[in-house]
């Protein structure tokens, strides 16, 4: 499992001596559901009156508990490149539930504070909704302060797959969409780069360095060497570890859509 990418932001508020840590966490949900409960949103602020989407509960046997890095009180900033800042609770729910099998979470964590403050926020429901991402990625439950009062709501239907999300699709500049169907050569792309193996300083993109003859990519002809692969089936592959990106591509459906950024040559 890739390590965390950490940064620290110090608060300058005199009355609040704390720091924020930023973490990038990558999870594979092939075997387990996410397994968290969240609160927050611009329409459902927490008891302190702030709208951040934060983790209020970590469920037993979920991917988050198994991974062990996320904590109660962590604020979720992005999932697979989709921002959770300034969104409604319902919109955050949709982004999380439709985030697919491979998830990149960017979170921030407040440190050097009394931990009882976090748990006080979480124990005081204040009639707020709580989202429970169940072990099945296509099922969610929304419940109020009474944990016994639970109902299920299925998000996916026959017209959607685990990668679909029409309301909040990430957009990419200078890109084309390429549809490929895997054959005995796979998709036929050899890649280099990534967050942990940049091809040049400050460039964490994934670039095509070889195309296999008679492979789908070769026969289609749209993708060429030096093109950047920025997404597959709208799973963002920008600024992710190399091996993580390869795993996403290898485990993607046989018919997949690549988002490709063409290299611009300046004369």
Protein backbone atom coordinates (compact mmCIF):
# COMPACT_ATOMS: atom_id res chain seq x y z
CA UNK A 1 0.00 0.00 0.00
CA UNK A 2 1.49 3.39 -0.99
CA UNK A 3 2.63 5.65 1.83
CA UNK A 4 1.03 8.86 2.87
CA UNK A 5 2.01 12.13 1.25
CA UNK A 6 2.12 14.54 4.16
CA UNK A 7 2.26 18.29 4.46
CA UNK A 8 1.73 20.55 7.47
CA UNK A 9 -0.10 23.84 7.64
CA UNK A 10 0.33 25.84 10.85
CA UNK A 11 -2.57 27.89 12.15
CA UNK A 12 -1.75 31.53 12.84
CA UNK A 13 -4.79 32.08 15.05
CA UNK A 14 -3.46 33.19 18.47
CA UNK A 15 -6.19 31.39 20.40
CA UNK A 16 -5.79 28.14 18.40
CA UNK A 17 -2.36 26.57 18.74
CA UNK A 18 -2.65 23.69 16.29
CA UNK A 19 -1.43 22.39 12.96
CA UNK A 20 -3.17 20.85 9.97
CA UNK A 21 -1.63 17.80 8.33
CA UNK A 22 -2.51 16.97 4.71
CA UNK A 23 -2.55 13.30 3.73
CA UNK A 24 -3.07 11.56 0.38
CA UNK A 25 -4.39 8.03 0.95
CA UNK A 26 -5.05 5.39 -1.70
CA UNK A 27 -7.50 2.54 -1.06
CA UNK A 28 -8.47 -0.55 -3.05
CA UNK A 29 -12.13 -1.48 -2.46
CA UNK A 30 -12.10 -4.71 -4.47
CA UNK A 31 -12.58 -6.87 -1.38
CA UNK A 32 -14.23 -4.53 1.13
CA UNK A 33 -16.49 -1.49 1.15
CA UNK A 34 -15.15 1.85 2.34
CA UNK A 35 -16.63 1.46 5.82
CA UNK A 36 -16.99 5.00 7.13
CA UNK A 37 -19.69 7.35 8.35
CA UNK A 38 -19.46 11.04 7.49
CA UNK A 39 -21.08 14.29 8.60
CA UNK A 40 -21.00 17.85 7.39
CA UNK A 41 -21.82 19.89 4.30
CA UNK A 42 -22.87 23.48 3.66
CA UNK A 43 -26.47 22.50 4.40
CA UNK A 44 -25.57 20.41 7.46
CA UNK A 45 -22.81 22.15 9.45
CA UNK A 46 -21.26 20.41 12.42
CA UNK A 47 -21.93 21.63 15.99
CA UNK A 48 -19.09 24.16 15.63
CA UNK A 49 -20.89 25.69 12.64
CA UNK A 50 -18.33 24.71 9.99
CA UNK A 51 -19.36 22.89 6.78
CA UNK A 52 -16.43 20.50 6.27
CA UNK A 53 -17.15 16.87 5.41
CA UNK A 54 -15.50 14.82 8.14
CA UNK A 55 -15.28 11.19 9.24
CA UNK A 56 -17.56 10.60 12.20
CA UNK A 57 -17.26 6.83 12.46
CA UNK A 58 -15.02 4.02 11.19
CA UNK A 59 -16.84 0.72 10.74
CA UNK A 60 -15.56 -2.71 11.66
CA UNK A 61 -14.06 -4.79 8.81
CA UNK A 62 -14.22 -1.99 6.22
CA UNK A 63 -11.35 -0.96 3.95
CA UNK A 64 -10.62 2.12 6.06
CA UNK A 65 -10.31 0.13 9.29
CA UNK A 66 -8.17 -2.51 7.57
CA UNK A 67 -5.85 0.15 6.13
CA UNK A 68 -5.59 1.89 9.50
CA UNK A 69 -4.47 5.37 8.42
CA UNK A 70 -7.69 7.39 8.47
CA UNK A 71 -8.98 8.65 11.81
CA UNK A 72 -12.26 9.88 13.24
CA UNK A 73 -12.37 13.66 12.77
CA UNK A 74 -10.34 13.67 9.53
CA UNK A 75 -11.73 16.21 7.06
CA UNK A 76 -12.15 14.91 3.50
CA UNK A 77 -11.00 17.52 0.97
CA UNK A 78 -11.10 15.51 -2.27
CA UNK A 79 -11.96 12.06 -3.57
CA UNK A 80 -10.46 11.04 -6.93
CA UNK A 81 -9.89 14.70 -7.74
CA UNK A 82 -13.47 15.74 -6.97
CA UNK A 83 -13.61 18.49 -4.36
CA UNK A 84 -15.72 18.06 -1.23
CA UNK A 85 -15.16 21.66 -0.18
CA UNK A 86 -18.29 23.82 -0.12
CA UNK A 87 -20.69 21.04 -1.18
CA UNK A 88 -23.98 19.87 0.28
CA UNK A 89 -24.12 16.69 2.34
CA UNK A 90 -26.11 14.96 -0.41
CA UNK A 91 -23.57 15.94 -3.06
CA UNK A 92 -20.73 14.61 -0.91
CA UNK A 93 -22.65 11.34 -0.52
CA UNK A 94 -22.98 11.01 -4.30
CA UNK A 95 -19.28 11.65 -4.88
CA UNK A 96 -18.24 9.05 -2.29
CA UNK A 97 -20.69 6.35 -3.34
CA UNK A 98 -19.84 6.76 -7.03
CA UNK A 99 -16.08 7.00 -6.59
CA UNK A 100 -15.38 3.50 -7.91
CA UNK A 101 -13.18 0.63 -6.78
CA UNK A 102 -9.93 2.56 -6.43
CA UNK A 103 -10.11 5.65 -4.25
CA UNK A 104 -7.66 8.50 -3.71
CA UNK A 105 -8.65 10.50 -0.64
CA UNK A 106 -7.04 13.82 0.21
CA UNK A 107 -7.73 14.63 3.83
CA UNK A 108 -6.57 17.15 6.41
CA UNK A 109 -6.08 16.35 10.07
CA UNK A 110 -5.94 18.75 13.00
CA UNK A 111 -3.22 17.90 15.50
CA UNK A 112 -2.13 19.23 18.90
CA UNK A 113 -5.69 19.64 20.13
CA UNK A 114 -7.72 17.97 22.86
CA UNK A 115 -9.10 14.81 21.27
CA UNK A 116 -12.23 15.07 23.44
CA UNK A 117 -13.24 18.06 21.32
CA UNK A 118 -13.54 15.82 18.25
CA UNK A 119 -15.53 13.15 20.04
CA UNK A 120 -17.83 15.76 21.55
CA UNK A 121 -18.67 16.95 18.03
CA UNK A 122 -19.42 13.42 16.89
CA UNK A 123 -21.50 12.34 19.89
CA UNK A 124 -23.74 15.41 19.64
CA UNK A 125 -25.86 14.56 16.60
CA UNK A 126 -27.82 17.82 16.78
CA UNK A 127 -30.33 16.29 14.35
CA UNK A 128 -27.65 16.02 11.64
CA UNK A 129 -27.68 13.31 9.02
CA UNK A 130 -24.96 10.70 9.08
CA UNK A 131 -23.91 8.78 6.01
CA UNK A 132 -22.88 5.18 6.44
CA UNK A 133 -20.97 3.71 3.53
CA UNK A 134 -21.73 0.00 3.86
CA UNK A 135 -19.59 -2.98 2.92
CA UNK A 136 -21.32 -3.02 -0.46
CA UNK A 137 -20.25 0.00 -2.48
CA UNK A 138 -23.68 0.24 -4.09
CA UNK A 139 -25.58 0.54 -0.80
CA UNK A 140 -25.78 3.41 1.66
CA UNK A 141 -27.76 4.00 4.80
CA UNK A 142 -28.78 7.36 6.18
CA UNK A 143 -29.70 7.50 9.84
CA UNK A 144 -30.44 10.03 12.54
CA UNK A 145 -29.39 9.99 16.20
CA UNK A 146 -31.17 6.67 16.72
CA UNK A 147 -28.81 4.01 15.36
CA UNK A 148 -31.70 1.50 15.23
CA UNK A 149 -33.66 3.69 12.83
CA UNK A 150 -31.88 2.77 9.58
CA UNK A 151 -33.06 2.53 5.99
CA UNK A 152 -31.16 1.58 2.86
CA UNK A 153 -31.02 3.39 -0.46
CA UNK A 154 -29.50 1.84 -3.57
CA UNK A 155 -27.55 4.35 -5.64
CA UNK A 156 -26.70 2.27 -8.70
CA UNK A 157 -29.12 0.97 -11.30
CA UNK A 158 -28.71 -0.91 -14.59
CA UNK A 159 -27.72 2.28 -16.38
CA UNK A 160 -24.81 3.07 -14.05
CA UNK A 161 -21.56 1.31 -13.24
CA UNK A 162 -19.10 1.81 -10.40
CA UNK A 163 -17.31 4.55 -12.30
CA UNK A 164 -20.35 6.61 -13.33
CA UNK A 165 -21.08 10.03 -11.87
CA UNK A 166 -22.88 12.45 -14.16
CA UNK A 167 -23.37 15.41 -11.83
CA UNK A 168 -19.75 16.04 -10.91
CA UNK A 169 -17.50 14.73 -13.66
CA UNK A 170 -13.91 15.96 -13.57
CA UNK A 171 -12.91 17.96 -16.63
CA UNK A 172 -9.49 17.82 -18.27
CA UNK A 173 -7.80 20.42 -20.48
CA UNK A 174 -6.26 19.56 -23.87
CA UNK A 175 -7.48 15.97 -23.65
CA UNK A 176 -9.18 13.42 -25.86
CA UNK A 177 -11.23 10.35 -24.92
CA UNK A 178 -10.08 7.04 -26.38
CA UNK A 179 -12.20 3.89 -26.17
CA UNK A 180 -10.20 0.65 -26.11
CA UNK A 181 -11.24 -3.00 -25.78
CA UNK A 182 -8.63 -5.23 -24.15
CA UNK A 183 -7.29 -8.21 -26.17
CA UNK A 184 -4.49 -10.74 -25.63
CA UNK A 185 -2.03 -7.83 -25.47
CA UNK A 186 -4.04 -6.04 -22.82
CA UNK A 187 -4.58 -2.44 -23.85
CA UNK A 188 -1.06 -2.39 -25.26
CA UNK A 189 0.36 0.58 -23.37
CA UNK A 190 3.65 0.77 -21.50
CA UNK A 191 3.83 3.67 -19.05
CA UNK A 192 6.40 5.55 -17.01
CA UNK A 193 6.25 8.29 -14.39
CA UNK A 194 3.92 8.71 -11.44
CA UNK A 195 4.02 10.38 -8.05
CA UNK A 196 6.82 8.14 -6.77
CA UNK A 197 8.81 7.99 -10.04
CA UNK A 198 8.55 11.36 -11.84
CA UNK A 199 10.19 11.52 -15.25
CA UNK A 200 11.30 15.09 -14.50
CA UNK A 201 11.30 17.36 -11.47
CA UNK A 202 7.79 18.46 -10.58
CA UNK A 203 6.11 16.32 -13.25
CA UNK A 204 4.20 13.40 -11.71
CA UNK A 205 2.22 12.49 -14.83
CA UNK A 206 1.95 9.00 -16.37
CA UNK A 207 3.32 8.94 -19.90
CA UNK A 208 3.21 6.38 -22.70
CA UNK A 209 6.73 5.15 -23.48
CA UNK A 210 5.84 2.18 -25.69
CA UNK A 211 2.86 0.80 -27.64
CA UNK A 212 2.70 -2.92 -28.36
CA UNK A 213 2.23 -3.90 -32.02
CA UNK A 214 -1.27 -5.24 -32.84
CA UNK A 215 -2.56 -4.19 -29.44
CA UNK A 216 -5.82 -2.19 -29.09
CA UNK A 217 -3.88 1.05 -28.60
CA UNK A 218 -1.77 0.35 -31.71
CA UNK A 219 -4.75 -0.59 -33.89
CA UNK A 220 -6.75 2.43 -32.74
CA UNK A 221 -3.89 4.83 -33.40
CA UNK A 222 -5.18 7.71 -31.28
CA UNK A 223 -2.61 7.29 -28.50
CA UNK A 224 1.06 7.87 -29.32
CA UNK A 225 4.31 7.76 -27.37
CA UNK A 226 4.73 10.71 -24.94
CA UNK A 227 0.96 11.12 -24.51
CA UNK A 228 -0.10 11.49 -20.87
CA UNK A 229 -2.75 9.12 -19.45
CA UNK A 230 -4.69 11.31 -17.01
CA UNK A 231 -7.68 9.05 -16.31
CA UNK A 232 -9.34 5.74 -17.08
CA UNK A 233 -13.12 5.50 -16.80
CA UNK A 234 -12.92 8.90 -15.07
CA UNK A 235 -10.69 7.55 -12.29
CA UNK A 236 -8.10 10.30 -11.98
CA UNK A 237 -4.53 9.09 -12.56
CA UNK A 238 -2.84 12.45 -12.13
CA UNK A 239 -0.39 12.61 -9.22
CA UNK A 240 -0.81 8.98 -8.11
CA UNK A 241 1.86 6.33 -7.43
CA UNK A 242 3.03 4.37 -10.48
CA UNK A 243 2.06 0.89 -9.23
CA UNK A 244 -1.33 2.13 -8.03
CA UNK A 245 -2.08 3.48 -11.52
CA UNK A 246 -1.03 0.19 -13.13
CA UNK A 247 -3.31 -1.76 -10.78
CA UNK A 248 -6.24 0.50 -11.66
CA UNK A 249 -5.65 -0.01 -15.39
CA UNK A 250 -5.13 -3.78 -15.13
CA UNK A 251 -8.31 -4.28 -13.10
CA UNK A 252 -10.45 -1.97 -15.22
CA UNK A 253 -13.26 -3.34 -17.44
CA UNK A 254 -12.30 -4.90 -20.78
CA UNK A 255 -13.98 -1.97 -22.52
CA UNK A 256 -12.51 1.16 -20.96
CA UNK A 257 -12.31 4.85 -21.75
CA UNK A 258 -8.89 6.51 -21.49
CA UNK A 259 -8.57 10.25 -21.02
CA UNK A 260 -5.39 11.26 -22.84
CA UNK A 261 -3.58 14.58 -22.77
CA UNK A 262 -1.79 15.20 -26.04
CA UNK A 263 1.67 16.68 -25.87
CA UNK A 264 1.87 20.19 -27.26
CA UNK A 265 4.97 20.99 -29.29
CA UNK A 266 5.93 24.66 -29.53
CA UNK A 267 7.69 25.83 -32.68
